[in-house]
């Protein structure tokens, strides 16, 4: 399934599957907006599945935001479809504990 990214008031909703291929698209899309804004909310609650390479990409994005004094809030802790990849790669710490 192709990746769909929609933005409403600074919240980016991601739909589809996150894989090595589609995560590159998400990475470049979010990086472009991180340069323009100081805060971005990335909502992964509607991701259908995710592999390890996508989890590592999200971690790199999170660390990039921290190094550049930007706020990247990643929502998706309630999505059971992404948690296995996040736990396997030990990247679940980047998921926000709060829901927006």
PDB file of N, CA and C in Angstrom:
ATOM      1  N   UNK A   1       0.833  -1.181   0.000  1.00  0.00           N
ATOM      2  CA  UNK A   1       0.000   0.000   0.000  1.00  0.00           C
ATOM      3  C   UNK A   1       0.874   1.240   0.000  1.00  0.00           C
ATOM      4  N   UNK A   2       0.522   2.198  -0.818  1.00  0.00           N
ATOM      5  CA  UNK A   2       1.274   3.438  -0.898  1.00  0.00           C
ATOM      6  C   UNK A   2       1.110   4.237   0.390  1.00  0.00           C
ATOM      7  N   UNK A   3       2.081   5.056   0.675  1.00  0.00           N
ATOM      8  CA  UNK A   3       2.060   5.884   1.865  1.00  0.00           C
ATOM      9  C   UNK A   3       1.305   7.170   1.570  1.00  0.00           C
ATOM     10  N   UNK A   4       0.443   7.556   2.493  1.00  0.00           N
ATOM     11  CA  UNK A   4      -0.304   8.806   2.350  1.00  0.00           C
ATOM     12  C   UNK A   4      -0.007   9.665   3.569  1.00  0.00           C
ATOM     13  N   UNK A   5       0.384  10.917   3.328  1.00  0.00           N
ATOM     14  CA  UNK A   5       0.717  11.851   4.396  1.00  0.00           C
ATOM     15  C   UNK A   5      -0.182  13.070   4.243  1.00  0.00           C
ATOM     16  N   UNK A   6      -0.966  13.353   5.281  1.00  0.00           N
ATOM     17  CA  UNK A   6      -1.812  14.543   5.260  1.00  0.00           C
ATOM     18  C   UNK A   6      -1.421  15.429   6.433  1.00  0.00           C
ATOM     19  N   UNK A   7      -1.560  16.732   6.248  1.00  0.00           N
ATOM     20  CA  UNK A   7      -1.178  17.683   7.288  1.00  0.00           C
ATOM     21  C   UNK A   7      -2.349  18.594   7.614  1.00  0.00           C
ATOM     22  N   UNK A   8      -2.622  18.730   8.902  1.00  0.00           N
ATOM     23  CA  UNK A   8      -3.643  19.641   9.387  1.00  0.00           C
ATOM     24  C   UNK A   8      -3.113  20.339  10.632  1.00  0.00           C
ATOM     25  N   UNK A   9      -2.914  21.638  10.538  1.00  0.00           N
ATOM     26  CA  UNK A   9      -2.471  22.462  11.673  1.00  0.00           C
ATOM     27  C   UNK A   9      -1.227  21.907  12.366  1.00  0.00           C
ATOM     28  N   UNK A  10      -0.259  21.499  11.604  1.00  0.00           N
ATOM     29  CA  UNK A  10       0.995  21.022  12.172  1.00  0.00           C
ATOM     30  C   UNK A  10       1.019  19.562  12.574  1.00  0.00           C
ATOM     31  N   UNK A  11      -0.090  18.847  12.391  1.00  0.00           N
ATOM     32  CA  UNK A  11      -0.112  17.410  12.681  1.00  0.00           C
ATOM     33  C   UNK A  11      -0.101  16.644  11.367  1.00  0.00           C
ATOM     34  N   UNK A  12       0.878  15.785  11.224  1.00  0.00           N
ATOM     35  CA  UNK A  12       1.012  14.964  10.018  1.00  0.00           C
ATOM     36  C   UNK A  12       0.472  13.570  10.308  1.00  0.00           C
ATOM     37  N   UNK A  13      -0.600  13.215   9.618  1.00  0.00           N
ATOM     38  CA  UNK A  13      -1.222  11.895   9.741  1.00  0.00           C
ATOM     39  C   UNK A  13      -0.631  11.008   8.647  1.00  0.00           C
ATOM     40  N   UNK A  14      -0.124   9.840   9.026  1.00  0.00           N
ATOM     41  CA  UNK A  14       0.490   8.927   8.072  1.00  0.00           C
ATOM     42  C   UNK A  14      -0.383   7.680   7.962  1.00  0.00           C
ATOM     43  N   UNK A  15      -0.744   7.329   6.733  1.00  0.00           N
ATOM     44  CA  UNK A  15      -1.572   6.154   6.478  1.00  0.00           C
ATOM     45  C   UNK A  15      -0.839   5.223   5.521  1.00  0.00           C
ATOM     46  N   UNK A  16      -0.986   3.927   5.730  1.00  0.00           N
ATOM     47  CA  UNK A  16      -0.363   2.954   4.841  1.00  0.00           C
ATOM     48  C   UNK A  16       0.640   2.096   5.579  1.00  0.00           C
ATOM     49  N   UNK A  17       1.615   1.599   4.855  1.00  0.00           N
ATOM     50  CA  UNK A  17       2.661   0.744   5.414  1.00  0.00           C
ATOM     51  C   UNK A  17       3.988   1.483   5.396  1.00  0.00           C
ATOM     52  N   UNK A  18       4.714   1.375   6.495  1.00  0.00           N
ATOM     53  CA  UNK A  18       6.043   1.984   6.567  1.00  0.00           C
ATOM     54  C   UNK A  18       7.086   0.887   6.391  1.00  0.00           C
ATOM     55  N   UNK A  19       7.813   0.977   5.296  1.00  0.00           N
ATOM     56  CA  UNK A  19       8.871   0.015   4.996  1.00  0.00           C
ATOM     57  C   UNK A  19      10.136   0.801   4.665  1.00  0.00           C
ATOM     58  N   UNK A  20      11.182   0.092   4.296  1.00  0.00           N
ATOM     59  CA  UNK A  20      12.429   0.765   3.912  1.00  0.00           C
ATOM     60  C   UNK A  20      12.179   1.744   2.769  1.00  0.00           C
ATOM     61  N   UNK A  21      11.372   1.332   1.821  1.00  0.00           N
ATOM     62  CA  UNK A  21      11.103   2.162   0.646  1.00  0.00           C
ATOM     63  C   UNK A  21      10.240   3.381   0.987  1.00  0.00           C
ATOM     64  N   UNK A  22       9.134   3.158   1.675  1.00  0.00           N
ATOM     65  CA  UNK A  22       8.218   4.274   1.956  1.00  0.00           C
ATOM     66  C   UNK A  22       8.734   5.186   3.062  1.00  0.00           C
ATOM     67  N   UNK A  23       9.592   4.673   3.931  1.00  0.00           N
ATOM     68  CA  UNK A  23      10.093   5.514   5.018  1.00  0.00           C
ATOM     69  C   UNK A  23      11.008   6.621   4.502  1.00  0.00           C
ATOM     70  N   UNK A  24      11.651   6.397   3.365  1.00  0.00           N
ATOM     71  CA  UNK A  24      12.475   7.467   2.773  1.00  0.00           C
ATOM     72  C   UNK A  24      11.623   8.663   2.381  1.00  0.00           C
ATOM     73  N   UNK A  25      10.448   8.381   1.857  1.00  0.00           N
ATOM     74  CA  UNK A  25       9.527   9.450   1.484  1.00  0.00           C
ATOM     75  C   UNK A  25       9.098  10.234   2.719  1.00  0.00           C
ATOM     76  N   UNK A  26       8.726   9.526   3.775  1.00  0.00           N
ATOM     77  CA  UNK A  26       8.312  10.181   5.014  1.00  0.00           C
ATOM     78  C   UNK A  26       9.461  10.987   5.604  1.00  0.00           C
ATOM     79  N   UNK A  27      10.641  10.416   5.606  1.00  0.00           N
ATOM     80  CA  UNK A  27      11.822  11.093   6.155  1.00  0.00           C
ATOM     81  C   UNK A  27      12.071  12.428   5.458  1.00  0.00           C
ATOM     82  N   UNK A  28      12.108  12.436   4.151  1.00  0.00           N
ATOM     83  CA  UNK A  28      12.384  13.687   3.429  1.00  0.00           C
ATOM     84  C   UNK A  28      11.242  14.679   3.590  1.00  0.00           C
ATOM     85  N   UNK A  29      10.021  14.192   3.650  1.00  0.00           N
ATOM     86  CA  UNK A  29       8.859  15.069   3.819  1.00  0.00           C
ATOM     87  C   UNK A  29       8.903  15.771   5.184  1.00  0.00           C
ATOM     88  N   UNK A  30       9.145  15.018   6.236  1.00  0.00           N
ATOM     89  CA  UNK A  30       9.174  15.592   7.587  1.00  0.00           C
ATOM     90  C   UNK A  30      10.389  16.494   7.765  1.00  0.00           C
ATOM     91  N   UNK A  31      11.534  16.112   7.211  1.00  0.00           N
ATOM     92  CA  UNK A  31      12.729  16.963   7.314  1.00  0.00           C
ATOM     93  C   UNK A  31      12.491  18.342   6.708  1.00  0.00           C
ATOM     94  N   UNK A  32      11.806  18.364   5.601  1.00  0.00           N
ATOM     95  CA  UNK A  32      11.515  19.644   4.947  1.00  0.00           C
ATOM     96  C   UNK A  32      10.715  20.552   5.882  1.00  0.00           C
ATOM     97  N   UNK A  33       9.740  19.980   6.570  1.00  0.00           N
ATOM     98  CA  UNK A  33       8.921  20.787   7.471  1.00  0.00           C
ATOM     99  C   UNK A  33       9.625  21.112   8.780  1.00  0.00           C
ATOM    100  N   UNK A  34      10.521  20.251   9.235  1.00  0.00           N
ATOM    101  CA  UNK A  34      11.268  20.548  10.458  1.00  0.00           C
ATOM    102  C   UNK A  34      12.148  21.781  10.289  1.00  0.00           C
ATOM    103  N   UNK A  35      12.601  22.024   9.084  1.00  0.00           N
ATOM    104  CA  UNK A  35      13.416  23.212   8.831  1.00  0.00           C
ATOM    105  C   UNK A  35      12.571  24.479   8.890  1.00  0.00           C
ATOM    106  N   UNK A  36      11.287  24.359   8.597  1.00  0.00           N
ATOM    107  CA  UNK A  36      10.391  25.518   8.570  1.00  0.00           C
ATOM    108  C   UNK A  36       9.720  25.785   9.912  1.00  0.00           C
ATOM    109  N   UNK A  37       9.501  24.766  10.713  1.00  0.00           N
ATOM    110  CA  UNK A  37       8.748  24.879  11.958  1.00  0.00           C
ATOM    111  C   UNK A  37       9.576  24.360  13.120  1.00  0.00           C
ATOM    112  N   UNK A  38       9.230  24.790  14.313  1.00  0.00           N
ATOM    113  CA  UNK A  38       9.969  24.311  15.476  1.00  0.00           C
ATOM    114  C   UNK A  38       9.281  23.125  16.145  1.00  0.00           C
ATOM    115  N   UNK A  39       8.025  22.836  15.754  1.00  0.00           N
ATOM    116  CA  UNK A  39       7.309  21.701  16.339  1.00  0.00           C
ATOM    117  C   UNK A  39       6.467  21.000  15.288  1.00  0.00           C
ATOM    118  N   UNK A  40       6.558  19.677  15.292  1.00  0.00           N
ATOM    119  CA  UNK A  40       5.758  18.846  14.383  1.00  0.00           C
ATOM    120  C   UNK A  40       5.207  17.669  15.180  1.00  0.00           C
ATOM    121  N   UNK A  41       3.963  17.340  14.902  1.00  0.00           N
ATOM    122  CA  UNK A  41       3.342  16.149  15.481  1.00  0.00           C
ATOM    123  C   UNK A  41       3.178  15.135  14.353  1.00  0.00           C
ATOM    124  N   UNK A  42       3.719  13.967  14.569  1.00  0.00           N
ATOM    125  CA  UNK A  42       3.657  12.890  13.576  1.00  0.00           C
ATOM    126  C   UNK A  42       2.761  11.791  14.135  1.00  0.00           C
ATOM    127  N   UNK A  43       1.618  11.590  13.511  1.00  0.00           N
ATOM    128  CA  UNK A  43       0.626  10.635  14.002  1.00  0.00           C
ATOM    129  C   UNK A  43       0.727   9.328  13.208  1.00  0.00           C
ATOM    130  N   UNK A  44       1.099   8.256  13.905  1.00  0.00           N
ATOM    131  CA  UNK A  44       1.273   6.940  13.279  1.00  0.00           C
ATOM    132  C   UNK A  44       0.156   5.968  13.660  1.00  0.00           C
ATOM    133  N   UNK A  45      -0.931   6.482  14.187  1.00  0.00           N
ATOM    134  CA  UNK A  45      -2.001   5.609  14.667  1.00  0.00           C
ATOM    135  C   UNK A  45      -2.696   4.826  13.559  1.00  0.00           C
ATOM    136  N   UNK A  46      -2.571   5.272  12.309  1.00  0.00           N
ATOM    137  CA  UNK A  46      -3.243   4.578  11.215  1.00  0.00           C
ATOM    138  C   UNK A  46      -2.283   3.838  10.283  1.00  0.00           C
ATOM    139  N   UNK A  47      -1.061   3.606  10.756  1.00  0.00           N
ATOM    140  CA  UNK A  47      -0.101   2.807   9.995  1.00  0.00           C
ATOM    141  C   UNK A  47      -0.554   1.347  10.052  1.00  0.00           C
ATOM    142  N   UNK A  48      -0.559   0.688   8.899  1.00  0.00           N
ATOM    143  CA  UNK A  48      -1.029  -0.704   8.837  1.00  0.00           C
ATOM    144  C   UNK A  48       0.045  -1.704   9.261  1.00  0.00           C
ATOM    145  N   UNK A  49       1.307  -1.442   8.910  1.00  0.00           N
ATOM    146  CA  UNK A  49       2.425  -2.250   9.388  1.00  0.00           C
ATOM    147  C   UNK A  49       3.720  -1.486   9.191  1.00  0.00           C
ATOM    148  N   UNK A  50       4.746  -1.938   9.905  1.00  0.00           N
ATOM    149  CA  UNK A  50       6.027  -1.238   9.869  1.00  0.00           C
ATOM    150  C   UNK A  50       7.143  -2.250  10.048  1.00  0.00           C
ATOM    151  N   UNK A  51       8.238  -2.043   9.314  1.00  0.00           N
ATOM    152  CA  UNK A  51       9.385  -2.929   9.474  1.00  0.00           C
ATOM    153  C   UNK A  51      10.482  -2.237  10.285  1.00  0.00           C
ATOM    154  N   UNK A  52      11.544  -2.963  10.565  1.00  0.00           N
ATOM    155  CA  UNK A  52      12.625  -2.458  11.411  1.00  0.00           C
ATOM    156  C   UNK A  52      13.317  -1.243  10.801  1.00  0.00           C
ATOM    157  N   UNK A  53      13.498  -1.229   9.495  1.00  0.00           N
ATOM    158  CA  UNK A  53      14.182  -0.087   8.873  1.00  0.00           C
ATOM    159  C   UNK A  53      13.381   1.203   9.053  1.00  0.00           C
ATOM    160  N   UNK A  54      12.067   1.102   9.047  1.00  0.00           N
ATOM    161  CA  UNK A  54      11.231   2.285   9.275  1.00  0.00           C
ATOM    162  C   UNK A  54      11.345   2.757  10.722  1.00  0.00           C
ATOM    163  N   UNK A  55      11.428   1.820  11.651  1.00  0.00           N
ATOM    164  CA  UNK A  55      11.592   2.189  13.064  1.00  0.00           C
ATOM    165  C   UNK A  55      12.911   2.923  13.276  1.00  0.00           C
ATOM    166  N   UNK A  56      13.978   2.435  12.657  1.00  0.00           N
ATOM    167  CA  UNK A  56      15.272   3.108  12.770  1.00  0.00           C
ATOM    168  C   UNK A  56      15.245   4.486  12.105  1.00  0.00           C
ATOM    169  N   UNK A  57      14.525   4.617  10.994  1.00  0.00           N
ATOM    170  CA  UNK A  57      14.398   5.922  10.336  1.00  0.00           C
ATOM    171  C   UNK A  57      13.703   6.909  11.259  1.00  0.00           C
ATOM    172  N   UNK A  58      12.648   6.476  11.947  1.00  0.00           N
ATOM    173  CA  UNK A  58      11.943   7.362  12.879  1.00  0.00           C
ATOM    174  C   UNK A  58      12.870   7.791  14.017  1.00  0.00           C
ATOM    175  N   UNK A  59      13.700   6.872  14.472  1.00  0.00           N
ATOM    176  CA  UNK A  59      14.658   7.203  15.515  1.00  0.00           C
ATOM    177  C   UNK A  59      15.658   8.265  15.026  1.00  0.00           C
ATOM    178  N   UNK A  60      16.142   8.110  13.790  1.00  0.00           N
ATOM    179  CA  UNK A  60      17.067   9.101  13.232  1.00  0.00           C
ATOM    180  C   UNK A  60      16.397  10.466  13.125  1.00  0.00           C
ATOM    181  N   UNK A  61      15.150  10.491  12.710  1.00  0.00           N
ATOM    182  CA  UNK A  61      14.400  11.735  12.604  1.00  0.00           C
ATOM    183  C   UNK A  61      14.243  12.382  13.980  1.00  0.00           C
ATOM    184  N   UNK A  62      13.920  11.575  14.965  1.00  0.00           N
ATOM    185  CA  UNK A  62      13.752  12.047  16.340  1.00  0.00           C
ATOM    186  C   UNK A  62      15.054  12.656  16.866  1.00  0.00           C
ATOM    187  N   UNK A  63      16.155  11.961  16.648  1.00  0.00           N
ATOM    188  CA  UNK A  63      17.458  12.469  17.108  1.00  0.00           C
ATOM    189  C   UNK A  63      17.862  13.741  16.362  1.00  0.00           C
ATOM    190  N   UNK A  64      17.564  13.795  15.079  1.00  0.00           N
ATOM    191  CA  UNK A  64      17.843  14.995  14.288  1.00  0.00           C
ATOM    192  C   UNK A  64      17.087  16.188  14.867  1.00  0.00           C
ATOM    193  N   UNK A  65      15.819  15.988  15.179  1.00  0.00           N
ATOM    194  CA  UNK A  65      15.008  17.064  15.744  1.00  0.00           C
ATOM    195  C   UNK A  65      15.595  17.539  17.074  1.00  0.00           C
ATOM    196  N   UNK A  66      16.015  16.600  17.904  1.00  0.00           N
ATOM    197  CA  UNK A  66      16.598  16.968  19.196  1.00  0.00           C
ATOM    198  C   UNK A  66      17.884  17.772  19.024  1.00  0.00           C
ATOM    199  N   UNK A  67      18.739  17.317  18.118  1.00  0.00           N
ATOM    200  CA  UNK A  67      20.011  18.021  17.892  1.00  0.00           C
ATOM    201  C   UNK A  67      19.808  19.438  17.367  1.00  0.00           C
ATOM    202  N   UNK A  68      18.712  19.657  16.669  1.00  0.00           N
ATOM    203  CA  UNK A  68      18.449  20.953  16.055  1.00  0.00           C
ATOM    204  C   UNK A  68      17.396  21.766  16.805  1.00  0.00           C
ATOM    205  N   UNK A  69      17.186  21.418  18.075  1.00  0.00           N
ATOM    206  CA  UNK A  69      16.256  22.144  18.946  1.00  0.00           C
ATOM    207  C   UNK A  69      14.855  22.257  18.378  1.00  0.00           C
ATOM    208  N   UNK A  70      14.401  21.208  17.746  1.00  0.00           N
ATOM    209  CA  UNK A  70      13.030  21.130  17.236  1.00  0.00           C
ATOM    210  C   UNK A  70      12.267  20.109  18.078  1.00  0.00           C
ATOM    211  N   UNK A  71      10.973  20.252  18.086  1.00  0.00           N
ATOM    212  CA  UNK A  71      10.136  19.311  18.819  1.00  0.00           C
ATOM    213  C   UNK A  71       9.440  18.413  17.812  1.00  0.00           C
ATOM    214  N   UNK A  72       9.683  17.115  17.939  1.00  0.00           N
ATOM    215  CA  UNK A  72       9.015  16.119  17.105  1.00  0.00           C
ATOM    216  C   UNK A  72       8.274  15.178  18.030  1.00  0.00           C
ATOM    217  N   UNK A  73       6.955  15.293  18.022  1.00  0.00           N
ATOM    218  CA  UNK A  73       6.111  14.442  18.841  1.00  0.00           C
ATOM    219  C   UNK A  73       5.590  13.325  17.944  1.00  0.00           C
ATOM    220  N   UNK A  74       5.881  12.091  18.318  1.00  0.00           N
ATOM    221  CA  UNK A  74       5.454  10.939  17.515  1.00  0.00           C
ATOM    222  C   UNK A  74       4.378  10.188  18.287  1.00  0.00           C
ATOM    223  N   UNK A  75       3.181  10.171  17.723  1.00  0.00           N
ATOM    224  CA  UNK A  75       2.030   9.513  18.344  1.00  0.00           C
ATOM    225  C   UNK A  75       1.829   8.159  17.669  1.00  0.00           C
ATOM    226  N   UNK A  76       1.585   7.141  18.463  1.00  0.00           N
ATOM    227  CA  UNK A  76       1.350   5.828  17.875  1.00  0.00           C
ATOM    228  C   UNK A  76       1.476   4.707  18.878  1.00  0.00           C
ATOM    229  N   UNK A  77       1.609   5.050  20.129  1.00  0.00           N
ATOM    230  CA  UNK A  77       1.811   4.047  21.161  1.00  0.00           C
ATOM    231  C   UNK A  77       0.611   3.109  21.288  1.00  0.00           C
ATOM    232  N   UNK A  78      -0.538   3.533  20.828  1.00  0.00           N
ATOM    233  CA  UNK A  78      -1.741   2.696  20.900  1.00  0.00           C
ATOM    234  C   UNK A  78      -1.898   1.793  19.674  1.00  0.00           C
ATOM    235  N   UNK A  79      -1.052   1.975  18.663  1.00  0.00           N
ATOM    236  CA  UNK A  79      -1.150   1.197  17.430  1.00  0.00           C
ATOM    237  C   UNK A  79      -0.403  -0.129  17.586  1.00  0.00           C
ATOM    238  N   UNK A  80      -1.149  -1.199  17.749  1.00  0.00           N
ATOM    239  CA  UNK A  80      -0.567  -2.527  17.943  1.00  0.00           C
ATOM    240  C   UNK A  80       0.185  -3.040  16.716  1.00  0.00           C
ATOM    241  N   UNK A  81      -0.042  -2.425  15.575  1.00  0.00           N
ATOM    242  CA  UNK A  81       0.607  -2.888  14.340  1.00  0.00           C
ATOM    243  C   UNK A  81       2.050  -2.418  14.217  1.00  0.00           C
ATOM    244  N   UNK A  82       2.403  -1.340  14.921  1.00  0.00           N
ATOM    245  CA  UNK A  82       3.778  -0.845  14.824  1.00  0.00           C
ATOM    246  C   UNK A  82       4.629  -1.223  16.035  1.00  0.00           C
ATOM    247  N   UNK A  83       3.980  -1.575  17.121  1.00  0.00           N
ATOM    248  CA  UNK A  83       4.727  -1.859  18.354  1.00  0.00           C
ATOM    249  C   UNK A  83       5.726  -3.010  18.237  1.00  0.00           C
ATOM    250  N   UNK A  84       5.424  -4.109  17.530  1.00  0.00           N
ATOM    251  CA  UNK A  84       6.439  -5.171  17.426  1.00  0.00           C
ATOM    252  C   UNK A  84       7.764  -4.679  16.827  1.00  0.00           C
ATOM    253  N   UNK A  85       7.701  -3.893  15.768  1.00  0.00           N
ATOM    254  CA  UNK A  85       8.928  -3.377  15.148  1.00  0.00           C
ATOM    255  C   UNK A  85       9.633  -2.388  16.079  1.00  0.00           C
ATOM    256  N   UNK A  86       8.852  -1.571  16.780  1.00  0.00           N
ATOM    257  CA  UNK A  86       9.449  -0.593  17.687  1.00  0.00           C
ATOM    258  C   UNK A  86      10.130  -1.291  18.876  1.00  0.00           C
ATOM    259  N   UNK A  87       9.508  -2.321  19.401  1.00  0.00           N
ATOM    260  CA  UNK A  87      10.111  -3.048  20.525  1.00  0.00           C
ATOM    261  C   UNK A  87      11.329  -3.857  20.077  1.00  0.00           C
ATOM    262  N   UNK A  88      11.230  -4.489  18.921  1.00  0.00           N
ATOM    263  CA  UNK A  88      12.336  -5.298  18.406  1.00  0.00           C
ATOM    264  C   UNK A  88      13.591  -4.450  18.200  1.00  0.00           C
ATOM    265  N   UNK A  89      13.406  -3.231  17.738  1.00  0.00           N
ATOM    266  CA  UNK A  89      14.533  -2.340  17.457  1.00  0.00           C
ATOM    267  C   UNK A  89      14.886  -1.443  18.642  1.00  0.00           C
ATOM    268  N   UNK A  90      14.134  -1.593  19.714  1.00  0.00           N
ATOM    269  CA  UNK A  90      14.333  -0.776  20.925  1.00  0.00           C
ATOM    270  C   UNK A  90      14.227   0.720  20.628  1.00  0.00           C
ATOM    271  N   UNK A  91      13.248   1.071  19.811  1.00  0.00           N
ATOM    272  CA  UNK A  91      13.027   2.473  19.465  1.00  0.00           C
ATOM    273  C   UNK A  91      11.690   2.992  19.986  1.00  0.00           C
ATOM    274  N   UNK A  92      10.994   2.209  20.779  1.00  0.00           N
ATOM    275  CA  UNK A  92       9.668   2.623  21.249  1.00  0.00           C
ATOM    276  C   UNK A  92       9.732   3.833  22.183  1.00  0.00           C
ATOM    277  N   UNK A  93      10.922   4.153  22.710  1.00  0.00           N
ATOM    278  CA  UNK A  93      11.054   5.309  23.596  1.00  0.00           C
ATOM    279  C   UNK A  93      10.736   6.624  22.882  1.00  0.00           C
ATOM    280  N   UNK A  94      10.772   6.636  21.545  1.00  0.00           N
ATOM    281  CA  UNK A  94      10.497   7.882  20.816  1.00  0.00           C
ATOM    282  C   UNK A  94       9.005   8.170  20.709  1.00  0.00           C
ATOM    283  N   UNK A  95       8.165   7.185  21.034  1.00  0.00           N
ATOM    284  CA  UNK A  95       6.722   7.390  20.962  1.00  0.00           C
ATOM    285  C   UNK A  95       6.255   8.186  22.172  1.00  0.00           C
ATOM    286  N   UNK A  96       5.445   9.181  21.913  1.00  0.00           N
ATOM    287  CA  UNK A  96       4.933  10.036  22.969  1.00  0.00           C
ATOM    288  C   UNK A  96       3.959   9.269  23.847  1.00  0.00           C
ATOM    289  N   UNK A  97       4.028   9.518  25.131  1.00  0.00           N
ATOM    290  CA  UNK A  97       3.118   8.876  26.074  1.00  0.00           C
ATOM    291  C   UNK A  97       1.794   9.626  26.166  1.00  0.00           C
ATOM    292  N   UNK A  98       1.756  10.813  25.656  1.00  0.00           N
ATOM    293  CA  UNK A  98       0.547  11.626  25.687  1.00  0.00           C
ATOM    294  C   UNK A  98      -0.127  11.617  24.351  1.00  0.00           C
ATOM    295  N   UNK A  99      -1.418  11.644  24.366  1.00  0.00           N
ATOM    296  CA  UNK A  99      -2.177  11.756  23.124  1.00  0.00           C
ATOM    297  C   UNK A  99      -2.578  13.198  22.948  1.00  0.00           C
ATOM    298  N   UNK A 100      -2.539  13.664  21.714  1.00  0.00           N
ATOM    299  CA  UNK A 100      -2.884  15.058  21.427  1.00  0.00           C
ATOM    300  C   UNK A 100      -4.352  15.133  21.115  1.00  0.00           C
TER     301      UNK A 100
END
